[in-house]
């Protein structure tokens, strides 16, 4: 029994040392990206750049929401939310027209893409 108690004490001390040093713990910063709804009843084309002349990457399903990482001026598009030349970057190499995304604004809601 004395051996078992000694082993348990070692385990507790090692755990206490790890807690004190921060070893074995992870601090993950969580920053939830705001997601914006795509216009109802729309399957939205995702393009490789800010215009319809860019390659079609994929089509978003009905009811999709998108993050807006940055925004860039491009081809002027008319959609359910007005006429605009703003395009929203939703992922690396993926853009959608802001005319189809409800942001509650007629202007930039994210930084300009570089």
N, C-alpha and C. Protein backbone atom coordinates (compact mmCIF):
# COMPACT_ATOMS: atom_id res chain seq x y z
N UNK A 1 0.81 -1.20 0.00
CA UNK A 1 0.00 0.00 0.00
C UNK A 1 0.86 1.26 0.00
N UNK A 2 1.97 1.24 0.70
CA UNK A 2 2.85 2.40 0.74
C UNK A 2 3.38 2.72 -0.65
N UNK A 3 3.68 1.68 -1.45
CA UNK A 3 4.18 1.89 -2.81
C UNK A 3 3.11 2.55 -3.67
N UNK A 4 1.86 2.10 -3.53
CA UNK A 4 0.76 2.67 -4.30
C UNK A 4 0.55 4.13 -3.94
N UNK A 5 0.64 4.45 -2.63
CA UNK A 5 0.47 5.84 -2.21
C UNK A 5 1.60 6.72 -2.76
N UNK A 6 2.81 6.19 -2.78
CA UNK A 6 3.94 6.95 -3.30
C UNK A 6 3.76 7.22 -4.79
N UNK A 7 3.28 6.21 -5.55
CA UNK A 7 3.05 6.40 -6.98
C UNK A 7 1.96 7.43 -7.22
N UNK A 8 0.88 7.38 -6.42
CA UNK A 8 -0.20 8.35 -6.56
C UNK A 8 0.29 9.76 -6.25
N UNK A 9 1.15 9.88 -5.24
CA UNK A 9 1.71 11.19 -4.88
C UNK A 9 2.55 11.73 -6.02
N UNK A 10 3.35 10.86 -6.67
CA UNK A 10 4.17 11.29 -7.80
C UNK A 10 3.29 11.78 -8.95
N UNK A 11 2.21 11.05 -9.20
CA UNK A 11 1.29 11.42 -10.28
C UNK A 11 0.66 12.77 -9.99
N UNK A 12 0.23 12.98 -8.72
CA UNK A 12 -0.38 14.26 -8.35
C UNK A 12 0.63 15.40 -8.47
N UNK A 13 1.87 15.18 -8.05
CA UNK A 13 2.89 16.21 -8.14
C UNK A 13 3.22 16.56 -9.59
N UNK A 14 3.30 15.55 -10.45
CA UNK A 14 3.57 15.79 -11.86
C UNK A 14 2.44 16.60 -12.49
N UNK A 15 1.21 16.27 -12.13
CA UNK A 15 0.06 17.00 -12.66
C UNK A 15 0.07 18.44 -12.16
N UNK A 16 0.40 18.64 -10.90
CA UNK A 16 0.46 19.99 -10.34
C UNK A 16 1.56 20.79 -11.02
N UNK A 17 2.72 20.17 -11.27
CA UNK A 17 3.81 20.86 -11.95
C UNK A 17 3.40 21.27 -13.37
N UNK A 18 2.71 20.37 -14.06
CA UNK A 18 2.27 20.67 -15.43
C UNK A 18 1.28 21.82 -15.41
N UNK A 19 0.34 21.83 -14.45
CA UNK A 19 -0.63 22.91 -14.36
C UNK A 19 0.06 24.23 -14.08
N UNK A 20 1.05 24.22 -13.19
CA UNK A 20 1.75 25.45 -12.82
C UNK A 20 2.54 26.01 -13.99
N UNK A 21 3.10 25.15 -14.82
CA UNK A 21 3.92 25.63 -15.93
C UNK A 21 3.12 25.92 -17.18
N UNK A 22 1.86 25.46 -17.18
CA UNK A 22 1.03 25.64 -18.36
C UNK A 22 1.23 24.53 -19.37
N UNK A 23 2.13 23.60 -19.09
CA UNK A 23 2.37 22.48 -20.01
C UNK A 23 1.15 21.58 -20.01
N UNK A 24 0.85 21.05 -21.18
CA UNK A 24 -0.27 20.13 -21.28
C UNK A 24 -1.61 20.83 -21.42
N UNK A 25 -1.62 22.15 -21.45
CA UNK A 25 -2.88 22.86 -21.62
C UNK A 25 -2.80 23.66 -22.91
N UNK A 26 -3.94 23.85 -23.52
CA UNK A 26 -4.00 24.63 -24.75
C UNK A 26 -4.93 25.80 -24.55
N UNK A 27 -4.51 26.93 -25.01
CA UNK A 27 -5.37 28.09 -25.00
C UNK A 27 -5.68 28.40 -26.45
N UNK A 28 -6.89 28.18 -26.82
CA UNK A 28 -7.29 28.40 -28.21
C UNK A 28 -8.19 29.63 -28.25
N UNK A 29 -7.74 30.64 -28.97
CA UNK A 29 -8.56 31.84 -29.13
C UNK A 29 -9.73 31.52 -30.03
N UNK A 30 -10.92 31.81 -29.56
CA UNK A 30 -12.10 31.55 -30.39
C UNK A 30 -12.71 32.87 -30.80
N UNK A 31 -12.81 33.04 -32.11
CA UNK A 31 -13.42 34.23 -32.65
C UNK A 31 -14.42 33.76 -33.69
N UNK A 32 -15.67 33.80 -33.34
CA UNK A 32 -16.70 33.33 -34.24
C UNK A 32 -16.88 34.33 -35.38
N UNK A 33 -16.76 33.84 -36.60
CA UNK A 33 -16.96 34.69 -37.77
C UNK A 33 -18.45 34.94 -37.95
N UNK A 34 -18.80 36.18 -38.27
CA UNK A 34 -20.19 36.50 -38.56
C UNK A 34 -20.56 35.85 -39.88
N UNK A 35 -21.72 35.23 -39.91
CA UNK A 35 -22.21 34.61 -41.14
C UNK A 35 -23.43 35.40 -41.60
N UNK A 36 -23.52 35.57 -42.90
CA UNK A 36 -24.60 36.36 -43.50
C UNK A 36 -25.44 35.45 -44.39
N UNK A 37 -26.77 35.63 -44.36
CA UNK A 37 -27.64 34.77 -45.17
C UNK A 37 -27.65 35.16 -46.65
N UNK A 38 -27.67 34.14 -47.49
CA UNK A 38 -27.87 34.33 -48.92
C UNK A 38 -29.37 34.53 -49.13
N UNK A 39 -29.75 35.32 -50.12
CA UNK A 39 -31.16 35.61 -50.39
C UNK A 39 -31.99 34.32 -50.46
N UNK A 40 -33.19 34.35 -49.89
CA UNK A 40 -34.05 33.16 -49.91
C UNK A 40 -34.38 32.73 -51.34
N UNK A 41 -34.42 31.42 -51.55
CA UNK A 41 -34.77 30.87 -52.85
C UNK A 41 -33.67 30.98 -53.89
N UNK A 42 -32.43 31.26 -53.44
CA UNK A 42 -31.32 31.43 -54.37
C UNK A 42 -30.26 30.37 -54.13
N UNK A 43 -29.87 29.71 -55.21
CA UNK A 43 -28.67 28.85 -55.20
C UNK A 43 -27.59 29.71 -55.82
N UNK A 44 -26.68 30.19 -54.99
CA UNK A 44 -25.74 31.24 -55.41
C UNK A 44 -24.46 30.68 -56.01
N UNK A 45 -24.11 31.21 -57.19
CA UNK A 45 -22.85 30.84 -57.85
C UNK A 45 -21.67 31.43 -57.09
N UNK A 46 -20.68 30.62 -56.85
CA UNK A 46 -19.43 31.07 -56.23
C UNK A 46 -18.38 31.11 -57.33
N UNK A 47 -17.72 32.25 -57.48
CA UNK A 47 -16.75 32.46 -58.55
C UNK A 47 -15.33 32.55 -57.98
N UNK A 48 -14.35 32.34 -58.85
CA UNK A 48 -12.95 32.39 -58.41
C UNK A 48 -12.44 33.83 -58.28
N UNK A 49 -13.22 34.80 -58.71
CA UNK A 49 -12.86 36.21 -58.62
C UNK A 49 -14.11 37.07 -58.63
N UNK A 50 -13.97 38.40 -58.55
CA UNK A 50 -15.12 39.30 -58.41
C UNK A 50 -15.83 39.65 -59.73
N UNK A 51 -16.38 38.64 -60.38
CA UNK A 51 -17.14 38.88 -61.61
C UNK A 51 -17.62 37.58 -62.21
N UNK A 52 -18.63 37.68 -63.08
CA UNK A 52 -19.20 36.48 -63.71
C UNK A 52 -18.29 35.90 -64.78
N UNK A 53 -17.27 36.65 -65.18
CA UNK A 53 -16.31 36.12 -66.16
C UNK A 53 -15.28 35.20 -65.51
N UNK A 54 -15.27 35.16 -64.17
CA UNK A 54 -14.36 34.25 -63.46
C UNK A 54 -14.95 32.85 -63.41
N UNK A 55 -14.09 31.87 -63.25
CA UNK A 55 -14.49 30.46 -63.23
C UNK A 55 -15.51 30.19 -62.12
N UNK A 56 -16.52 29.37 -62.44
CA UNK A 56 -17.50 28.93 -61.45
C UNK A 56 -16.83 27.87 -60.57
N UNK A 57 -16.77 28.12 -59.26
CA UNK A 57 -16.11 27.21 -58.33
C UNK A 57 -17.11 26.18 -57.80
N UNK A 58 -18.29 26.68 -57.40
CA UNK A 58 -19.35 25.81 -56.87
C UNK A 58 -20.63 26.60 -56.79
N UNK A 59 -21.70 25.93 -56.41
CA UNK A 59 -23.00 26.58 -56.23
C UNK A 59 -23.45 26.32 -54.80
N UNK A 60 -23.79 27.41 -54.10
CA UNK A 60 -24.26 27.26 -52.72
C UNK A 60 -25.71 26.78 -52.71
N UNK A 61 -26.09 25.97 -51.73
CA UNK A 61 -27.46 25.46 -51.67
C UNK A 61 -28.44 26.53 -51.16
N UNK A 62 -29.72 26.28 -51.34
CA UNK A 62 -30.75 27.15 -50.77
C UNK A 62 -30.53 27.25 -49.26
N UNK A 63 -30.75 28.45 -48.71
CA UNK A 63 -30.63 28.64 -47.27
C UNK A 63 -29.21 28.76 -46.75
N UNK A 64 -28.25 28.93 -47.63
CA UNK A 64 -26.85 29.01 -47.19
C UNK A 64 -26.57 30.31 -46.44
N UNK A 65 -25.59 30.24 -45.56
CA UNK A 65 -25.04 31.44 -44.93
C UNK A 65 -23.56 31.45 -45.25
N UNK A 66 -22.98 32.65 -45.32
CA UNK A 66 -21.57 32.76 -45.69
C UNK A 66 -20.83 33.71 -44.76
N UNK A 67 -19.56 33.41 -44.50
CA UNK A 67 -18.72 34.38 -43.80
C UNK A 67 -18.21 35.37 -44.85
N UNK A 68 -17.89 36.58 -44.43
CA UNK A 68 -17.27 37.53 -45.36
C UNK A 68 -15.90 37.86 -44.80
N UNK A 69 -14.87 37.31 -45.43
CA UNK A 69 -13.50 37.53 -44.97
C UNK A 69 -13.00 38.92 -45.37
N UNK A 70 -13.33 39.32 -46.59
CA UNK A 70 -12.98 40.63 -47.11
C UNK A 70 -13.87 40.90 -48.30
N UNK A 71 -13.85 42.14 -48.80
CA UNK A 71 -14.68 42.51 -49.94
C UNK A 71 -13.84 43.25 -50.97
N UNK A 72 -14.27 43.09 -52.24
CA UNK A 72 -13.50 43.65 -53.35
C UNK A 72 -14.46 44.18 -54.41
N UNK A 73 -14.11 45.32 -55.00
CA UNK A 73 -14.91 45.86 -56.10
C UNK A 73 -14.68 45.00 -57.35
N UNK A 74 -15.74 44.83 -58.11
CA UNK A 74 -15.66 44.04 -59.34
C UNK A 74 -16.82 44.38 -60.26
N UNK A 75 -17.30 43.38 -60.96
CA UNK A 75 -18.42 43.55 -61.89
C UNK A 75 -19.68 43.99 -61.13
N UNK A 76 -20.42 44.93 -61.71
CA UNK A 76 -21.67 45.39 -61.11
C UNK A 76 -22.77 44.36 -61.38
N UNK A 77 -23.47 43.99 -60.31
CA UNK A 77 -24.52 42.96 -60.37
C UNK A 77 -25.78 43.50 -59.71
N UNK A 78 -26.93 43.16 -60.27
CA UNK A 78 -28.22 43.49 -59.66
C UNK A 78 -28.82 42.20 -59.10
N UNK A 79 -29.24 42.26 -57.86
CA UNK A 79 -29.82 41.09 -57.21
C UNK A 79 -30.91 41.51 -56.24
N UNK A 80 -31.36 40.59 -55.40
CA UNK A 80 -32.45 40.87 -54.46
C UNK A 80 -32.15 42.02 -53.50
N UNK A 81 -30.88 42.27 -53.21
CA UNK A 81 -30.51 43.31 -52.26
C UNK A 81 -29.92 44.54 -52.93
N UNK A 82 -30.29 44.75 -54.20
CA UNK A 82 -29.87 45.97 -54.89
C UNK A 82 -28.83 45.74 -55.96
N UNK A 83 -28.27 46.83 -56.42
CA UNK A 83 -27.23 46.80 -57.45
C UNK A 83 -25.92 47.24 -56.80
N UNK A 84 -24.89 46.44 -57.00
CA UNK A 84 -23.61 46.73 -56.37
C UNK A 84 -22.46 46.14 -57.19
N UNK A 85 -21.29 46.72 -56.98
CA UNK A 85 -20.08 46.15 -57.58
C UNK A 85 -19.23 45.45 -56.50
N UNK A 86 -19.77 45.32 -55.31
CA UNK A 86 -19.04 44.64 -54.23
C UNK A 86 -19.16 43.13 -54.34
N UNK A 87 -18.04 42.47 -54.15
CA UNK A 87 -17.99 41.01 -54.12
C UNK A 87 -17.40 40.57 -52.80
N UNK A 88 -18.00 39.55 -52.21
CA UNK A 88 -17.60 39.06 -50.89
C UNK A 88 -16.71 37.84 -51.03
N UNK A 89 -15.56 37.88 -50.40
CA UNK A 89 -14.67 36.73 -50.36
C UNK A 89 -15.13 35.84 -49.22
N UNK A 90 -15.59 34.62 -49.55
CA UNK A 90 -16.13 33.72 -48.53
C UNK A 90 -15.16 32.61 -48.16
N UNK A 91 -14.11 32.45 -48.93
CA UNK A 91 -13.05 31.47 -48.68
C UNK A 91 -11.93 31.77 -49.66
N UNK A 92 -10.82 31.11 -49.51
CA UNK A 92 -9.69 31.35 -50.39
C UNK A 92 -10.08 31.07 -51.85
N UNK A 93 -10.03 32.09 -52.69
CA UNK A 93 -10.38 31.94 -54.10
C UNK A 93 -11.85 31.76 -54.38
N UNK A 94 -12.72 32.21 -53.44
CA UNK A 94 -14.17 32.05 -53.62
C UNK A 94 -14.88 33.38 -53.34
N UNK A 95 -15.60 33.88 -54.36
CA UNK A 95 -16.31 35.16 -54.26
C UNK A 95 -17.78 35.00 -54.65
N UNK A 96 -18.63 35.78 -53.97
CA UNK A 96 -20.05 35.86 -54.33
C UNK A 96 -20.43 37.34 -54.40
N UNK A 97 -21.41 37.66 -55.24
CA UNK A 97 -21.86 39.05 -55.34
C UNK A 97 -22.59 39.44 -54.07
N UNK A 98 -22.26 40.63 -53.56
CA UNK A 98 -22.90 41.15 -52.35
C UNK A 98 -24.38 41.46 -52.60
N UNK A 99 -24.80 41.54 -53.86
CA UNK A 99 -26.21 41.80 -54.19
C UNK A 99 -27.10 40.63 -53.77
N UNK A 100 -26.51 39.48 -53.47
CA UNK A 100 -27.27 38.29 -53.08
C UNK A 100 -27.06 37.90 -51.62
N UNK A 101 -26.31 38.73 -50.87
CA UNK A 101 -26.01 38.43 -49.47
C UNK A 101 -26.58 39.54 -48.61
N UNK A 102 -27.39 39.17 -47.60
CA UNK A 102 -27.99 40.19 -46.74
C UNK A 102 -27.01 40.57 -45.64
N UNK A 103 -26.44 41.79 -45.79
CA UNK A 103 -25.49 42.30 -44.80
C UNK A 103 -26.08 43.42 -43.96
N UNK A 104 -27.22 43.96 -44.40
CA UNK A 104 -27.83 45.09 -43.69
C UNK A 104 -27.17 46.42 -44.03
N UNK A 105 -26.31 46.42 -45.05
CA UNK A 105 -25.59 47.62 -45.43
C UNK A 105 -25.45 47.69 -46.95
N UNK A 106 -25.34 48.90 -47.46
CA UNK A 106 -25.09 49.09 -48.89
C UNK A 106 -23.61 49.27 -49.18
N UNK A 107 -22.79 49.17 -48.16
CA UNK A 107 -21.36 49.38 -48.34
C UNK A 107 -20.55 48.23 -47.76
N UNK A 108 -19.30 48.51 -47.52
CA UNK A 108 -18.39 47.51 -46.97
C UNK A 108 -18.77 47.14 -45.54
N UNK A 109 -18.75 45.85 -45.24
CA UNK A 109 -18.97 45.35 -43.87
C UNK A 109 -17.76 44.56 -43.40
N UNK A 110 -16.75 44.49 -44.26
CA UNK A 110 -15.52 43.76 -43.95
C UNK A 110 -14.36 44.53 -44.58
N UNK A 111 -13.14 44.20 -44.21
CA UNK A 111 -11.99 44.90 -44.82
C UNK A 111 -11.94 44.65 -46.34
N UNK A 112 -11.29 45.55 -47.04
CA UNK A 112 -11.09 45.38 -48.48
C UNK A 112 -10.04 44.29 -48.70
N UNK A 113 -10.30 43.44 -49.70
CA UNK A 113 -9.34 42.41 -50.04
C UNK A 113 -8.10 43.05 -50.66
N UNK A 114 -6.97 42.50 -50.39
CA UNK A 114 -5.74 43.06 -50.96
C UNK A 114 -5.46 42.48 -52.33
